[in-house]
Amino acid sequence: MRLPRMAGEGIHALGVNKLRTFFMMAGTIVGVAALVVIMAIGKGTEKKIKKRVQTFGPKAMMLIAGGGKDLPPPDMTVSTLTLEDAEAVRNQIDGLEIVSPMAWRFQMNVKHEANQYQAIVWGVEP
């Protein structure tokens, strides 16, 4: 079959099956629109995350007791860092703008009124 004849038969089939053609076009349009929206949301989220990371900046540092390369899960049994250690880091490393000690505990029982929940509890110095 030649290309012009195949194109003509395809156009004829589209004209004969108008409802099928409509649903095919509608599905294609909705699918493309959904992809565009998902990509836009992804890009927006990426920009927001990058902005937050940049505000942390190169003049801030996070030290975790028991941590190591690539931040393994924190070892809750290690408690070698103290508030005095954070103050020493703040005083001895030039150029740091932010030093904020923090501590957290997993699966802590938290009570509010008559309700009790298990939660991760974070504590930071302002």
N, C-alpha and C. Protein backbone atom coordinates (compact mmCIF):
# COMPACT_ATOMS: atom_id res chain seq x y z
N MET A 1 0.83 -1.18 0.00
CA MET A 1 0.00 0.00 0.00
C MET A 1 0.87 1.24 0.00
N ARG A 2 0.41 2.20 -0.71
CA ARG A 2 1.15 3.44 -0.75
C ARG A 2 0.73 4.34 0.40
N LEU A 3 1.59 5.24 0.74
CA LEU A 3 1.35 6.15 1.86
C LEU A 3 0.10 7.00 1.68
N PRO A 4 -0.13 7.62 0.52
CA PRO A 4 -1.35 8.43 0.38
C PRO A 4 -2.63 7.61 0.56
N ARG A 5 -2.63 6.39 0.05
CA ARG A 5 -3.81 5.55 0.19
C ARG A 5 -4.04 5.18 1.65
N MET A 6 -2.97 4.85 2.39
CA MET A 6 -3.09 4.52 3.81
C MET A 6 -3.59 5.72 4.60
N ALA A 7 -3.08 6.89 4.30
CA ALA A 7 -3.52 8.10 5.00
C ALA A 7 -4.99 8.36 4.71
N GLY A 8 -5.40 8.18 3.47
CA GLY A 8 -6.80 8.39 3.10
C GLY A 8 -7.72 7.42 3.83
N GLU A 9 -7.33 6.15 3.91
CA GLU A 9 -8.15 5.17 4.63
C GLU A 9 -8.22 5.50 6.12
N GLY A 10 -7.13 5.98 6.68
CA GLY A 10 -7.12 6.36 8.10
C GLY A 10 -8.05 7.52 8.37
N ILE A 11 -8.01 8.53 7.53
CA ILE A 11 -8.90 9.68 7.69
C ILE A 11 -10.35 9.27 7.51
N HIS A 12 -10.60 8.40 6.54
CA HIS A 12 -11.96 7.90 6.32
C HIS A 12 -12.46 7.14 7.56
N ALA A 13 -11.60 6.30 8.16
CA ALA A 13 -11.98 5.54 9.35
C ALA A 13 -12.28 6.48 10.52
N LEU A 14 -11.51 7.56 10.63
CA LEU A 14 -11.77 8.54 11.69
C LEU A 14 -13.13 9.20 11.49
N GLY A 15 -13.47 9.49 10.24
CA GLY A 15 -14.76 10.13 9.95
C GLY A 15 -15.93 9.19 10.19
N VAL A 16 -15.76 7.91 9.91
CA VAL A 16 -16.84 6.95 10.08
C VAL A 16 -17.09 6.67 11.57
N ASN A 17 -16.03 6.60 12.35
CA ASN A 17 -16.14 6.28 13.78
C ASN A 17 -15.93 7.55 14.60
N LYS A 18 -16.89 8.46 14.53
CA LYS A 18 -16.72 9.77 15.16
C LYS A 18 -16.63 9.68 16.68
N LEU A 19 -17.45 8.87 17.31
CA LEU A 19 -17.42 8.76 18.77
C LEU A 19 -16.09 8.17 19.24
N ARG A 20 -15.63 7.14 18.56
CA ARG A 20 -14.34 6.53 18.90
C ARG A 20 -13.22 7.55 18.71
N THR A 21 -13.29 8.32 17.63
CA THR A 21 -12.30 9.36 17.37
C THR A 21 -12.31 10.41 18.48
N PHE A 22 -13.51 10.82 18.89
CA PHE A 22 -13.62 11.82 19.96
C PHE A 22 -12.98 11.31 21.24
N PHE A 23 -13.31 10.07 21.64
CA PHE A 23 -12.74 9.53 22.87
C PHE A 23 -11.23 9.35 22.78
N MET A 24 -10.74 8.97 21.61
CA MET A 24 -9.31 8.82 21.42
C MET A 24 -8.61 10.17 21.58
N MET A 25 -9.17 11.21 20.96
CA MET A 25 -8.58 12.54 21.07
C MET A 25 -8.67 13.06 22.50
N ALA A 26 -9.82 12.85 23.15
CA ALA A 26 -10.00 13.31 24.52
C ALA A 26 -9.01 12.61 25.46
N GLY A 27 -8.84 11.32 25.29
CA GLY A 27 -7.89 10.58 26.11
C GLY A 27 -6.46 11.05 25.92
N THR A 28 -6.10 11.32 24.68
CA THR A 28 -4.76 11.81 24.39
C THR A 28 -4.54 13.18 25.02
N ILE A 29 -5.53 14.06 24.89
CA ILE A 29 -5.41 15.41 25.44
C ILE A 29 -5.32 15.37 26.96
N VAL A 30 -6.18 14.58 27.59
CA VAL A 30 -6.15 14.47 29.05
C VAL A 30 -4.83 13.86 29.52
N GLY A 31 -4.35 12.86 28.83
CA GLY A 31 -3.08 12.23 29.20
C GLY A 31 -1.91 13.18 29.10
N VAL A 32 -1.84 13.93 28.02
CA VAL A 32 -0.75 14.89 27.85
C VAL A 32 -0.85 15.99 28.91
N ALA A 33 -2.07 16.47 29.16
CA ALA A 33 -2.26 17.51 30.18
C ALA A 33 -1.84 17.00 31.56
N ALA A 34 -2.18 15.76 31.87
CA ALA A 34 -1.78 15.19 33.16
C ALA A 34 -0.26 15.11 33.28
N LEU A 35 0.41 14.70 32.22
CA LEU A 35 1.87 14.65 32.25
C LEU A 35 2.47 16.03 32.44
N VAL A 36 1.93 17.03 31.77
CA VAL A 36 2.43 18.40 31.91
C VAL A 36 2.27 18.87 33.36
N VAL A 37 1.11 18.60 33.95
CA VAL A 37 0.86 19.02 35.33
C VAL A 37 1.81 18.30 36.28
N ILE A 38 2.00 17.01 36.10
CA ILE A 38 2.89 16.24 36.98
C ILE A 38 4.33 16.75 36.85
N MET A 39 4.77 17.02 35.64
CA MET A 39 6.12 17.54 35.44
C MET A 39 6.28 18.91 36.09
N ALA A 40 5.26 19.76 35.97
CA ALA A 40 5.32 21.10 36.58
C ALA A 40 5.38 21.00 38.10
N ILE A 41 4.60 20.11 38.67
CA ILE A 41 4.63 19.92 40.12
C ILE A 41 6.01 19.42 40.55
N GLY A 42 6.56 18.48 39.80
CA GLY A 42 7.89 17.96 40.12
C GLY A 42 8.96 19.04 40.06
N LYS A 43 8.93 19.87 39.03
CA LYS A 43 9.92 20.95 38.90
C LYS A 43 9.75 21.97 40.02
N GLY A 44 8.50 22.30 40.35
CA GLY A 44 8.26 23.26 41.42
C GLY A 44 8.75 22.74 42.76
N THR A 45 8.51 21.47 43.02
CA THR A 45 8.98 20.85 44.25
C THR A 45 10.50 20.82 44.30
N GLU A 46 11.11 20.51 43.18
CA GLU A 46 12.57 20.48 43.11
C GLU A 46 13.15 21.86 43.42
N LYS A 47 12.56 22.90 42.84
CA LYS A 47 13.04 24.26 43.11
C LYS A 47 12.89 24.63 44.58
N LYS A 48 11.76 24.24 45.17
CA LYS A 48 11.51 24.56 46.57
C LYS A 48 12.54 23.86 47.47
N ILE A 49 12.83 22.60 47.17
CA ILE A 49 13.80 21.86 47.97
C ILE A 49 15.19 22.46 47.81
N LYS A 50 15.57 22.80 46.58
CA LYS A 50 16.88 23.41 46.35
C LYS A 50 17.00 24.74 47.09
N LYS A 51 15.93 25.51 47.11
CA LYS A 51 15.95 26.79 47.81
C LYS A 51 16.15 26.58 49.31
N ARG A 52 15.48 25.58 49.87
CA ARG A 52 15.65 25.29 51.29
C ARG A 52 17.07 24.84 51.60
N VAL A 53 17.63 24.00 50.74
CA VAL A 53 18.99 23.52 50.95
C VAL A 53 19.97 24.69 50.85
N GLN A 54 19.74 25.60 49.91
CA GLN A 54 20.63 26.74 49.76
C GLN A 54 20.56 27.68 50.95
N THR A 55 19.40 27.80 51.59
CA THR A 55 19.31 28.65 52.77
C THR A 55 20.10 28.05 53.93
N PHE A 56 20.22 26.73 53.94
CA PHE A 56 21.06 26.10 54.96
C PHE A 56 22.49 26.55 54.74
N GLY A 57 22.91 26.53 53.48
CA GLY A 57 24.15 27.15 53.05
C GLY A 57 25.43 26.48 53.50
N PRO A 58 26.54 27.03 53.00
CA PRO A 58 27.85 26.46 53.31
C PRO A 58 28.38 26.92 54.67
N LYS A 59 27.67 27.82 55.35
CA LYS A 59 28.15 28.33 56.63
C LYS A 59 27.40 27.70 57.79
N ALA A 60 26.83 26.56 57.56
CA ALA A 60 26.13 25.82 58.60
C ALA A 60 26.66 24.39 58.61
N MET A 61 26.58 23.75 59.75
CA MET A 61 27.12 22.41 59.86
C MET A 61 26.23 21.60 60.80
N MET A 62 26.10 20.31 60.51
CA MET A 62 25.32 19.42 61.35
C MET A 62 26.23 18.28 61.82
N LEU A 63 26.33 18.13 63.12
CA LEU A 63 27.10 17.03 63.70
C LEU A 63 26.12 16.10 64.40
N ILE A 64 26.29 14.80 64.18
CA ILE A 64 25.41 13.82 64.79
C ILE A 64 26.26 12.81 65.54
N ALA A 65 25.98 12.63 66.80
CA ALA A 65 26.72 11.65 67.60
C ALA A 65 26.47 10.26 67.03
N GLY A 66 27.55 9.52 66.84
CA GLY A 66 27.42 8.17 66.33
C GLY A 66 27.27 8.11 64.83
N GLY A 67 27.18 9.25 64.18
CA GLY A 67 27.02 9.30 62.73
C GLY A 67 28.37 9.12 62.07
N GLY A 68 28.33 8.96 60.80
CA GLY A 68 29.56 8.81 60.05
C GLY A 68 29.32 9.24 58.62
N LYS A 69 30.09 8.70 57.74
CA LYS A 69 29.97 9.03 56.32
C LYS A 69 28.57 8.65 55.82
N ASP A 70 27.98 9.52 55.03
CA ASP A 70 26.67 9.31 54.40
C ASP A 70 25.52 9.17 55.39
N LEU A 71 25.67 9.70 56.56
CA LEU A 71 24.60 9.74 57.56
C LEU A 71 23.84 8.42 57.71
N PRO A 72 24.45 7.46 58.37
CA PRO A 72 23.68 6.24 58.65
C PRO A 72 22.60 6.57 59.67
N PRO A 73 21.67 5.67 59.91
CA PRO A 73 20.66 5.96 60.93
C PRO A 73 21.34 6.26 62.26
N PRO A 74 20.86 7.27 62.98
CA PRO A 74 21.53 7.62 64.23
C PRO A 74 21.47 6.49 65.23
N ASP A 75 22.55 6.35 65.94
CA ASP A 75 22.63 5.33 66.99
C ASP A 75 22.16 5.98 68.29
N MET A 76 21.01 5.60 68.79
CA MET A 76 20.42 6.25 69.95
C MET A 76 21.19 5.95 71.23
N THR A 77 22.09 4.95 71.20
CA THR A 77 22.85 4.65 72.41
C THR A 77 24.05 5.56 72.55
N VAL A 78 24.46 6.22 71.49
CA VAL A 78 25.61 7.12 71.54
C VAL A 78 25.14 8.48 72.03
N SER A 79 25.75 8.95 73.09
CA SER A 79 25.37 10.27 73.63
C SER A 79 26.62 11.06 73.98
N THR A 80 27.59 11.05 73.09
CA THR A 80 28.87 11.69 73.39
C THR A 80 28.87 13.18 73.11
N LEU A 81 27.95 13.71 72.33
CA LEU A 81 27.91 15.14 72.07
C LEU A 81 27.04 15.82 73.12
N THR A 82 27.54 16.95 73.62
CA THR A 82 26.82 17.70 74.64
C THR A 82 26.59 19.12 74.17
N LEU A 83 25.85 19.89 74.95
CA LEU A 83 25.66 21.31 74.63
C LEU A 83 26.99 22.06 74.66
N GLU A 84 27.88 21.63 75.53
CA GLU A 84 29.21 22.25 75.58
C GLU A 84 29.98 21.99 74.29
N ASP A 85 29.81 20.81 73.71
CA ASP A 85 30.45 20.50 72.43
C ASP A 85 29.93 21.43 71.34
N ALA A 86 28.65 21.67 71.31
CA ALA A 86 28.07 22.57 70.31
C ALA A 86 28.62 23.98 70.49
N GLU A 87 28.75 24.42 71.72
CA GLU A 87 29.30 25.75 71.99
C GLU A 87 30.76 25.82 71.56
N ALA A 88 31.52 24.75 71.79
CA ALA A 88 32.92 24.71 71.37
C ALA A 88 33.03 24.78 69.85
N VAL A 89 32.18 24.06 69.14
CA VAL A 89 32.18 24.12 67.68
C VAL A 89 31.86 25.54 67.23
N ARG A 90 30.86 26.15 67.84
CA ARG A 90 30.45 27.51 67.50
C ARG A 90 31.62 28.49 67.69
N ASN A 91 32.40 28.32 68.76
CA ASN A 91 33.48 29.25 69.08
C ASN A 91 34.76 28.99 68.30
N GLN A 92 35.02 27.75 67.93
CA GLN A 92 36.32 27.40 67.37
C GLN A 92 36.36 27.34 65.85
N ILE A 93 35.23 27.26 65.18
CA ILE A 93 35.24 27.18 63.72
C ILE A 93 34.78 28.52 63.16
N ASP A 94 35.71 29.22 62.53
CA ASP A 94 35.39 30.53 61.95
C ASP A 94 34.48 30.37 60.74
N GLY A 95 33.58 31.31 60.59
CA GLY A 95 32.73 31.35 59.40
C GLY A 95 31.40 30.65 59.56
N LEU A 96 31.23 29.89 60.62
CA LEU A 96 29.93 29.25 60.83
C LEU A 96 28.92 30.29 61.31
N GLU A 97 27.79 30.32 60.67
CA GLU A 97 26.74 31.25 61.08
C GLU A 97 25.69 30.55 61.92
N ILE A 98 25.52 29.24 61.72
CA ILE A 98 24.48 28.51 62.42
C ILE A 98 25.09 27.28 63.09
N VAL A 99 24.91 27.18 64.38
CA VAL A 99 25.22 25.96 65.11
C VAL A 99 24.04 25.76 66.05
N SER A 100 23.25 24.76 65.79
CA SER A 100 22.05 24.52 66.59
C SER A 100 22.02 23.06 67.02
N PRO A 101 22.34 22.79 68.27
CA PRO A 101 22.27 21.40 68.71
C PRO A 101 20.84 20.89 68.69
N MET A 102 20.72 19.62 68.41
CA MET A 102 19.38 19.03 68.39
C MET A 102 19.45 17.60 68.92
N ALA A 103 18.32 17.16 69.40
CA ALA A 103 18.20 15.78 69.89
C ALA A 103 16.83 15.27 69.48
N TRP A 104 16.73 13.97 69.31
CA TRP A 104 15.44 13.38 68.98
C TRP A 104 15.34 11.99 69.56
N ARG A 105 14.13 11.59 69.76
CA ARG A 105 13.85 10.24 70.24
C ARG A 105 12.72 9.66 69.40
N PHE A 106 12.86 8.40 69.07
CA PHE A 106 11.85 7.72 68.27
C PHE A 106 10.85 7.02 69.20
N GLN A 107 9.64 6.89 68.74
CA GLN A 107 8.58 6.16 69.43
C GLN A 107 8.43 6.59 70.89
N MET A 108 8.33 7.89 71.07
CA MET A 108 8.06 8.44 72.40
C MET A 108 6.55 8.50 72.61
N ASN A 109 6.11 8.23 73.81
CA ASN A 109 4.69 8.36 74.13
C ASN A 109 4.40 9.82 74.43
N VAL A 110 3.50 10.40 73.65
CA VAL A 110 3.12 11.80 73.81
C VAL A 110 1.65 11.83 74.18
N LYS A 111 1.33 12.61 75.21
CA LYS A 111 -0.04 12.64 75.69
C LYS A 111 -0.60 14.05 75.54
N HIS A 112 -1.82 14.13 75.00
CA HIS A 112 -2.55 15.39 74.89
C HIS A 112 -3.97 15.14 75.35
N GLU A 113 -4.34 15.80 76.44
CA GLU A 113 -5.64 15.58 77.07
C GLU A 113 -5.80 14.09 77.36
N ALA A 114 -6.84 13.46 76.84
CA ALA A 114 -7.06 12.04 77.12
C ALA A 114 -6.42 11.14 76.07
N ASN A 115 -5.81 11.72 75.05
CA ASN A 115 -5.25 10.94 73.94
C ASN A 115 -3.75 10.72 74.15
N GLN A 116 -3.30 9.53 73.77
CA GLN A 116 -1.89 9.21 73.84
C GLN A 116 -1.43 8.70 72.48
N TYR A 117 -0.28 9.19 72.02
CA TYR A 117 0.24 8.86 70.70
C TYR A 117 1.70 8.47 70.81
N GLN A 118 2.17 7.74 69.81
CA GLN A 118 3.61 7.51 69.67
C GLN A 118 4.10 8.43 68.56
N ALA A 119 5.20 9.13 68.84
CA ALA A 119 5.69 10.11 67.88
C ALA A 119 7.20 10.20 67.96
N ILE A 120 7.79 10.81 66.95
CA ILE A 120 9.20 11.18 66.98
C ILE A 120 9.25 12.58 67.58
N VAL A 121 10.03 12.75 68.63
CA VAL A 121 10.11 14.03 69.32
C VAL A 121 11.47 14.65 69.03
N TRP A 122 11.45 15.89 68.51
CA TRP A 122 12.66 16.64 68.20
C TRP A 122 12.81 17.79 69.18
N GLY A 123 14.02 18.07 69.56
CA GLY A 123 14.30 19.24 70.38
C GLY A 123 15.49 19.98 69.79
N VAL A 124 15.36 21.29 69.63
CA VAL A 124 16.46 22.10 69.09
C VAL A 124 16.61 23.36 69.92
N GLU A 125 17.79 23.91 69.86
CA GLU A 125 18.04 25.18 70.52
C GLU A 125 17.67 26.29 69.54
N PRO A 126 16.96 27.31 70.01
CA PRO A 126 16.56 28.38 69.07
C PRO A 126 17.74 29.18 68.56
